[in-house]
Amino acid sequence: MSRIDILKGFLEENPNDSFSRYAIALEYVKLGKNDDAVLEFETVKKNDPDYVATYYQLGQLYQKVGQRHEAEKTFRTGITVAARAGDEHTRSELEAALEALLAD
């Protein structure tokens, strides 16, 4: 049984488990299944917009697949969400990612 299978089992028990869905997305990224990863990250973002870590990973993925505008939008939204949550560490990571994207 793969990690993805185990995590999907957790989602069957609790479809709103943001951590499990986020972890599935990360596993898809590792496997190069970028479309599946985007779908899972977008689902986390939609269902749990305050799940701050999603914005960094999703923005990075959008950048990787050449969707620069989506990456910028995702980083900017994440900065706002992180600031509202008082998560200075993630906010600074998102700001650095945005600066790197814009400088590229």
Protein backbone atom coordinates (compact mmCIF):
# COMPACT_ATOMS: atom_id res chain seq x y z
CA MET A 1 0.00 0.00 0.00
CA SER A 2 1.48 3.36 -1.03
CA ARG A 3 1.54 6.55 1.02
CA ILE A 4 -1.08 7.98 -1.32
CA ASP A 5 -3.36 4.99 -0.69
CA ILE A 6 -2.96 5.39 3.07
CA LEU A 7 -3.66 9.13 2.88
CA LYS A 8 -6.70 8.55 0.67
CA GLY A 9 -7.95 6.17 3.34
CA PHE A 10 -7.76 9.02 5.85
CA LEU A 11 -9.75 11.19 3.44
CA GLU A 12 -12.44 8.54 3.16
CA GLU A 13 -12.84 8.75 6.94
CA ASN A 14 -12.69 12.55 6.95
CA PRO A 15 -13.09 14.22 3.53
CA ASN A 16 -12.33 17.63 5.06
CA ASP A 17 -8.91 16.62 6.41
CA SER A 18 -6.73 19.35 4.93
CA PHE A 19 -3.48 17.82 6.15
CA SER A 20 -4.11 14.50 4.39
CA ARG A 21 -5.15 16.19 1.16
CA TYR A 22 -2.10 18.49 1.34
CA ALA A 23 0.13 15.46 1.93
CA ILE A 24 -1.40 13.69 -1.07
CA ALA A 25 -0.63 16.73 -3.20
CA LEU A 26 3.01 16.65 -2.04
CA GLU A 27 3.23 12.96 -2.92
CA TYR A 28 1.87 13.72 -6.40
CA VAL A 29 4.52 16.42 -6.82
CA LYS A 30 7.23 13.88 -5.94
CA LEU A 31 5.82 11.51 -8.57
CA GLY A 32 5.65 14.23 -11.23
CA LYS A 33 1.85 14.07 -11.33
CA ASN A 34 1.55 17.84 -11.45
CA ASP A 35 -2.07 18.03 -12.63
CA ASP A 36 -3.18 15.77 -9.79
CA ALA A 37 -1.12 17.81 -7.33
CA VAL A 38 -2.66 21.09 -8.50
CA LEU A 39 -6.14 19.59 -8.14
CA GLU A 40 -5.45 18.50 -4.55
CA PHE A 41 -3.80 21.81 -3.55
CA GLU A 42 -6.68 23.77 -5.11
CA THR A 43 -9.17 21.63 -3.19
CA VAL A 44 -7.36 22.40 0.08
CA LYS A 45 -7.34 26.10 -0.80
CA LYS A 46 -11.06 26.05 -1.59
CA ASN A 47 -12.14 24.00 1.44
CA ASP A 48 -9.70 25.45 3.97
CA PRO A 49 -8.49 28.86 2.72
CA ASP A 50 -6.58 29.45 5.97
CA TYR A 51 -4.33 26.39 5.44
CA VAL A 52 -1.32 28.63 4.86
CA ALA A 53 1.25 26.06 3.70
CA THR A 54 -0.81 25.33 0.61
CA TYR A 55 -0.09 28.71 -0.94
CA TYR A 56 3.68 28.28 -0.96
CA GLN A 57 3.60 24.76 -2.39
CA LEU A 58 0.90 25.55 -4.95
CA GLY A 59 2.67 28.73 -6.04
CA GLN A 60 5.92 26.80 -6.48
CA LEU A 61 4.12 24.16 -8.51
CA TYR A 62 2.44 26.74 -10.74
CA GLN A 63 5.84 28.32 -11.30
CA LYS A 64 7.36 24.93 -12.13
CA VAL A 65 4.73 24.18 -14.78
CA GLY A 66 5.04 27.63 -16.35
CA GLN A 67 1.84 29.19 -15.03
CA ARG A 68 3.53 32.35 -13.87
CA HIS A 69 0.36 34.41 -13.42
CA GLU A 70 -1.26 31.72 -11.26
CA ALA A 71 1.95 31.45 -9.22
CA GLU A 72 2.00 35.20 -8.58
CA LYS A 73 -1.69 35.26 -7.66
CA THR A 74 -1.24 32.30 -5.32
CA PHE A 75 1.80 33.82 -3.58
CA ARG A 76 0.02 37.17 -3.13
CA THR A 77 -3.08 35.53 -1.67
CA GLY A 78 -0.91 33.40 0.60
CA ILE A 79 0.91 36.48 1.90
CA THR A 80 -2.43 38.02 2.88
CA VAL A 81 -3.65 34.81 4.53
CA ALA A 82 -0.38 34.29 6.41
CA ALA A 83 -0.34 37.90 7.63
CA ARG A 84 -3.94 37.59 8.83
CA ALA A 85 -3.03 34.37 10.67
CA GLY A 86 0.05 35.97 12.23
CA ASP A 87 2.28 33.38 10.54
CA GLU A 88 5.34 35.54 9.94
CA HIS A 89 7.57 32.64 8.89
CA THR A 90 5.31 31.51 6.07
CA ARG A 91 4.57 35.11 5.09
CA SER A 92 8.29 35.80 4.68
CA GLU A 93 8.75 32.59 2.65
CA LEU A 94 5.90 33.60 0.38
CA GLU A 95 7.28 37.12 -0.02
CA ALA A 96 10.70 35.71 -0.94
CA ALA A 97 9.11 33.32 -3.45
CA LEU A 98 7.13 36.19 -4.98
CA GLU A 99 10.24 38.38 -5.23
CA ALA A 100 12.15 35.55 -6.92
CA LEU A 101 9.28 34.97 -9.35
CA LEU A 102 9.06 38.66 -10.26
CA ALA A 103 12.84 38.93 -10.67
CA ASP A 104 12.93 35.95 -13.02
